Amino acid sequence: MLNRRSFVATVTAATLLAATAARAEDALANIEKTKTIRIAVPTDYPPYGFAGLDLQPQGLDIDMAKLIADKMGAKLEMVPVTSANRIPYLQTAQVDLVISTLGKNAEREKVIDFSHAYAPFFQAVYGPKSMEIKDFAALDGKTIAVAKGAMEETELAKLGPAGMVFSRYEDQATATAAFVAGQTQLIATSTSNAALMAQKNPQLDAEMKLIIKESPCFVGINKGQDALLGKVNEIILAAKADGTLDKLSMKWLKKPAGDLPL
């Protein structure tokens, strides 16, 4: 019985691996054949991907996925993912692409390929338009809301003057609430949190003052899928040239995409 179960399990695993390998053999050809593209997207990371009032996914990454599917003439199948499973989903051919605030680093480049960047992602200092902040030296003596242990404070401490006054809160939500309530003059936070803050509190008239650290978003693609990578890059370059990337960034981040890396 054990041998039989072992044999069945082995055959099943081999069949699944073969099916995965066949689908991954030429992703672009398969997309063109089926007229369907499966893209991993976030649904819990506004404004890049989240559920709207109608419970449908929306956000910058969602719009980017729709753009790529439309340009490829394919039906879009969105697959919700988390930061932990988005790359495994790609490697096991459960999705064709990952568009989920994916940053590029040396470790990830060993296992997947990356397109040209399509959107900015950064940590920055934000404050009211009426406050003039042209450089980090201008932060001297200013009160800045930060989340305890967050990268924003660590990185800003390396760049700004010793006279900065950090007001530390338990999390991003509490730090944001403090800034909105006027308890601090500025806030150091991420693109996504700042955009959400601006949407909910337009009366603040807040703007980005200084970028602390940049980490653009890229589309993730399986190794060996050069044809699909080329097609995605072609779409991104065209969207960059005609202003589409800037429009998407302005819509969701209140800032143009700017000069993104290739």
Protein backbone atom coordinates (compact mmCIF):
# COMPACT_ATOMS: atom_id res chain seq x y z
CA MET A 1 0.00 0.00 0.00
CA LEU A 2 2.80 2.39 0.94
CA ASN A 3 4.65 1.62 -2.28
CA ARG A 4 1.52 2.20 -4.30
CA ARG A 5 0.84 5.51 -2.55
CA SER A 6 4.43 6.54 -3.07
CA PHE A 7 4.20 5.66 -6.76
CA VAL A 8 0.96 7.62 -7.20
CA ALA A 9 2.42 10.62 -5.38
CA THR A 10 5.54 10.51 -7.54
CA VAL A 11 3.53 10.30 -10.76
CA THR A 12 1.25 13.14 -9.65
CA ALA A 13 4.20 15.35 -8.76
CA ALA A 14 5.89 14.56 -12.06
CA THR A 15 2.71 15.38 -13.96
CA LEU A 16 2.36 18.73 -12.20
CA LEU A 17 6.00 19.56 -12.84
CA ALA A 18 5.63 18.65 -16.51
CA ALA A 19 2.53 20.79 -16.85
CA THR A 20 4.28 23.71 -15.16
CA ALA A 21 7.33 23.31 -17.37
CA ALA A 22 5.20 23.15 -20.52
CA ARG A 23 3.31 26.30 -19.59
CA ALA A 24 6.53 28.09 -18.69
CA GLU A 25 8.31 26.99 -21.89
CA ASP A 26 7.19 30.04 -23.82
CA ALA A 27 4.97 32.31 -21.76
CA LEU A 28 4.43 34.89 -24.50
CA ALA A 29 3.39 32.25 -27.05
CA ASN A 30 0.95 30.79 -24.53
CA ILE A 31 -0.54 34.22 -23.79
CA GLU A 32 -0.99 34.88 -27.50
CA LYS A 33 -2.55 31.45 -27.96
CA THR A 34 -4.99 31.58 -25.02
CA LYS A 35 -5.57 35.35 -25.22
CA THR A 36 -5.25 35.37 -21.42
CA ILE A 37 -2.56 36.73 -19.13
CA ARG A 38 -2.32 35.99 -15.41
CA ILE A 39 -0.78 38.79 -13.37
CA ALA A 40 -0.02 38.76 -9.65
CA VAL A 41 -1.22 41.97 -7.98
CA PRO A 42 -1.48 43.33 -4.42
CA THR A 43 -4.88 43.90 -2.83
CA ASP A 44 -3.79 45.16 0.59
CA TYR A 45 -1.26 47.87 -0.25
CA PRO A 46 -2.91 51.18 -1.16
CA PRO A 47 -2.57 53.08 -3.39
CA TYR A 48 -0.78 50.42 -5.47
CA GLY A 49 -3.39 47.72 -4.96
CA PHE A 50 -6.45 47.55 -2.71
CA ALA A 51 -10.16 46.75 -2.69
CA GLY A 52 -12.42 49.68 -3.57
CA LEU A 53 -15.88 50.41 -2.20
CA ASP A 54 -17.25 47.97 -4.77
CA LEU A 55 -14.76 45.36 -3.45
CA GLN A 56 -13.01 45.33 -6.83
CA PRO A 57 -9.20 45.66 -7.00
CA GLN A 58 -7.92 49.13 -7.83
CA GLY A 59 -4.69 51.07 -7.62
CA LEU A 60 -1.58 51.91 -9.61
CA ASP A 61 -0.44 48.28 -9.97
CA ILE A 62 -3.95 47.25 -10.99
CA ASP A 63 -4.03 49.94 -13.70
CA MET A 64 -0.58 48.85 -14.89
CA ALA A 65 -1.72 45.23 -15.14
CA LYS A 66 -4.76 46.32 -17.14
CA LEU A 67 -2.56 48.41 -19.45
CA ILE A 68 -0.22 45.51 -20.20
CA ALA A 69 -3.10 43.09 -20.78
CA ASP A 70 -4.83 45.59 -23.07
CA LYS A 71 -1.69 46.24 -25.12
CA MET A 72 -1.17 42.51 -25.51
CA GLY A 73 -4.78 41.95 -26.56
CA ALA A 74 -5.30 39.51 -23.72
CA LYS A 75 -7.94 38.97 -21.05
CA LEU A 76 -6.55 39.87 -17.64
CA GLU A 77 -6.73 37.37 -14.79
CA MET A 78 -5.60 39.10 -11.60
CA VAL A 79 -4.16 36.85 -8.90
CA PRO A 80 -3.95 38.43 -5.41
CA VAL A 81 -0.56 37.87 -3.77
CA THR A 82 1.41 38.90 -0.71
CA SER A 83 5.01 40.02 -0.46
CA ALA A 84 5.97 36.51 0.66
CA ASN A 85 4.34 34.47 -2.12
CA ARG A 86 4.53 36.72 -5.17
CA ILE A 87 7.89 35.37 -6.44
CA PRO A 88 7.02 31.70 -5.72
CA TYR A 89 3.78 32.16 -7.69
CA LEU A 90 5.87 33.33 -10.63
CA GLN A 91 8.46 30.58 -10.35
CA THR A 92 5.80 27.86 -10.31
CA ALA A 93 4.07 29.38 -13.37
CA GLN A 94 0.88 30.17 -11.48
CA VAL A 95 1.18 33.66 -12.95
CA ASP A 96 2.89 35.08 -16.03
CA LEU A 97 3.94 38.38 -14.44
CA VAL A 98 4.21 40.00 -11.03
CA ILE A 99 3.09 43.62 -10.74
CA SER A 100 3.09 44.10 -7.00
CA THR A 101 5.37 46.94 -5.77
CA LEU A 102 8.28 44.68 -6.61
CA GLY A 103 11.67 46.24 -5.97
CA LYS A 104 14.86 44.99 -7.61
CA ASN A 105 17.88 43.73 -5.69
CA ALA A 106 20.81 41.39 -6.32
CA GLU A 107 19.22 38.45 -4.49
CA ARG A 108 16.00 38.61 -6.49
CA GLU A 109 17.88 39.06 -9.76
CA LYS A 110 19.36 35.60 -9.24
CA VAL A 111 15.94 33.93 -9.50
CA ILE A 112 13.76 36.18 -11.71
CA ASP A 113 14.14 38.88 -14.35
CA PHE A 114 12.91 42.46 -14.12
CA SER A 115 11.39 44.80 -16.67
CA HIS A 116 12.13 48.49 -16.93
CA ALA A 117 10.74 50.40 -13.93
CA TYR A 118 7.13 51.55 -14.31
CA ALA A 119 6.45 53.52 -11.13
CA PRO A 120 8.27 55.33 -8.35
CA PHE A 121 8.33 54.06 -4.79
CA PHE A 122 10.16 55.98 -2.14
CA GLN A 123 10.34 57.19 1.42
CA ALA A 124 10.20 60.96 1.77
CA VAL A 125 9.57 63.94 4.01
CA TYR A 126 6.14 65.54 3.52
CA GLY A 127 4.73 68.82 4.74
CA PRO A 128 2.38 71.69 3.86
CA LYS A 129 3.09 73.64 0.68
CA SER A 130 3.34 76.80 2.75
CA MET A 131 6.48 75.51 4.48
CA GLU A 132 9.67 76.00 2.45
CA ILE A 133 12.01 73.02 2.71
CA LYS A 134 14.64 73.03 -0.05
CA ASP A 135 17.29 70.78 1.46
CA PHE A 136 17.96 68.52 4.45
CA ALA A 137 19.64 71.36 6.35
CA ALA A 138 16.25 73.10 6.45
CA LEU A 139 14.97 70.30 8.71
CA ASP A 140 17.01 71.65 11.60
CA GLY A 141 14.68 72.27 14.55
CA LYS A 142 11.63 70.88 12.73
CA THR A 143 9.36 68.31 14.39
CA ILE A 144 8.95 65.19 12.23
CA ALA A 145 6.45 62.39 12.82
CA VAL A 146 7.85 58.89 12.30
CA ALA A 147 6.82 55.34 13.12
CA LYS A 148 9.03 53.68 15.74
CA GLY A 149 11.73 51.54 14.17
CA ALA A 150 10.75 52.52 10.63
CA MET A 151 13.34 52.90 7.88
CA GLU A 152 12.29 56.51 7.35
CA GLU A 153 13.82 57.63 10.66
CA THR A 154 16.94 55.49 10.27
CA GLU A 155 17.69 56.76 6.77
CA LEU A 156 16.70 60.36 7.50
CA ALA A 157 19.01 60.41 10.52
CA LYS A 158 21.91 59.74 8.12
CA LEU A 159 20.96 62.62 5.83
CA GLY A 160 19.56 65.36 8.02
CA PRO A 161 21.03 67.67 10.69
CA ALA A 162 21.38 66.70 14.33
CA GLY A 163 18.78 69.30 15.24
CA MET A 164 15.86 67.37 13.76
CA VAL A 165 13.20 66.58 16.36
CA PHE A 166 11.68 63.14 15.82
CA SER A 167 8.24 62.49 17.29
CA ARG A 168 8.03 58.71 17.44
CA TYR A 169 4.71 56.87 17.27
CA GLU A 170 3.79 53.20 17.52
CA ASP A 171 2.99 52.75 13.81
CA GLN A 172 2.48 54.60 10.51
CA ALA A 173 -1.22 55.12 11.17
CA THR A 174 -0.57 56.82 14.52
CA ALA A 175 2.27 58.94 13.10
CA THR A 176 0.03 60.01 10.22
CA ALA A 177 -2.82 60.89 12.57
CA ALA A 178 -0.43 63.04 14.63
CA PHE A 179 0.73 64.97 11.57
CA VAL A 180 -2.83 65.41 10.30
CA ALA A 181 -3.82 66.76 13.74
CA GLY A 182 -1.01 69.31 13.59
CA GLN A 183 1.06 67.76 16.38
CA THR A 184 4.16 67.81 14.15
CA GLN A 185 5.30 70.09 11.35
CA LEU A 186 6.37 67.30 8.99
CA ILE A 187 6.11 63.57 8.50
CA ALA A 188 8.61 61.05 7.12
CA THR A 189 6.77 58.18 5.45
CA SER A 190 6.40 56.02 2.34
CA THR A 191 4.90 56.95 -1.02
CA SER A 192 1.91 54.73 -0.45
CA ASN A 193 1.06 56.07 2.99
CA ALA A 194 1.53 59.69 1.88
CA ALA A 195 -0.76 59.23 -1.12
CA LEU A 196 -3.45 57.67 1.05
CA MET A 197 -3.06 60.50 3.56
CA ALA A 198 -3.47 63.10 0.79
CA GLN A 199 -6.60 61.38 -0.54
CA LYS A 200 -8.25 61.30 2.89
CA ASN A 201 -7.09 64.75 3.96
CA PRO A 202 -6.99 67.10 0.95
CA GLN A 203 -7.29 70.09 3.30
CA LEU A 204 -3.69 69.50 4.41
CA ASP A 205 -2.37 70.58 1.02
CA ALA A 206 0.64 68.40 1.79
CA GLU A 207 3.43 67.85 -0.68
CA MET A 208 6.66 65.93 -0.92
CA LYS A 209 9.60 67.99 0.34
CA LEU A 210 12.63 65.69 0.20
CA ILE A 211 13.18 62.14 -0.99
CA ILE A 212 14.89 60.00 1.63
CA LYS A 213 15.35 56.82 -0.41
CA GLU A 214 14.12 55.57 -3.80
CA SER A 215 13.19 52.00 -4.73
CA PRO A 216 11.21 51.97 -8.03
CA CYS A 217 8.67 49.28 -8.93
CA PHE A 218 9.46 46.71 -11.62
CA VAL A 219 7.49 43.94 -13.34
CA GLY A 220 8.76 40.49 -12.36
CA ILE A 221 9.20 37.87 -15.11
CA ASN A 222 10.51 34.33 -15.03
CA LYS A 223 14.07 33.61 -16.09
CA GLY A 224 14.36 32.54 -19.72
CA GLN A 225 11.23 34.38 -20.86
CA ASP A 226 13.11 36.84 -23.06
CA ALA A 227 10.27 37.26 -25.56
CA LEU A 228 7.77 38.17 -22.83
CA LEU A 229 10.33 40.44 -21.15
CA GLY A 230 10.91 42.24 -24.44
CA LYS A 231 7.17 42.71 -24.98
CA VAL A 232 6.61 44.10 -21.49
CA ASN A 233 9.56 46.47 -21.86
CA GLU A 234 8.17 47.64 -25.20
CA ILE A 235 4.84 48.47 -23.55
CA ILE A 236 6.51 50.27 -20.64
CA LEU A 237 8.75 52.35 -22.92
CA ALA A 238 5.76 53.38 -25.03
CA ALA A 239 3.76 54.29 -21.92
CA LYS A 240 6.70 56.33 -20.68
CA ALA A 241 7.05 58.15 -24.02
CA ASP A 242 3.35 59.04 -24.37
CA GLY A 243 2.95 60.19 -20.77
CA THR A 244 0.82 57.27 -19.56
CA LEU A 245 3.21 56.39 -16.72
CA ASP A 246 3.18 60.00 -15.54
CA LYS A 247 -0.64 60.04 -15.61
CA LEU A 248 -0.89 56.83 -13.58
CA SER A 249 1.61 58.12 -11.06
CA MET A 250 -0.18 61.45 -10.73
CA LYS A 251 -3.52 59.66 -10.34
CA TRP A 252 -2.39 57.45 -7.48
CA LEU A 253 0.77 59.03 -6.01
CA LYS A 254 0.16 62.73 -6.75
CA LYS A 255 3.60 62.87 -8.34
CA PRO A 256 4.80 62.27 -11.93
CA ALA A 257 6.69 59.03 -12.57
CA GLY A 258 9.68 61.09 -13.67
CA ASP A 259 12.93 59.63 -14.94
CA LEU A 260 12.60 55.96 -14.04
CA PRO A 261 15.56 53.58 -14.51
CA LEU A 262 15.64 51.25 -17.50
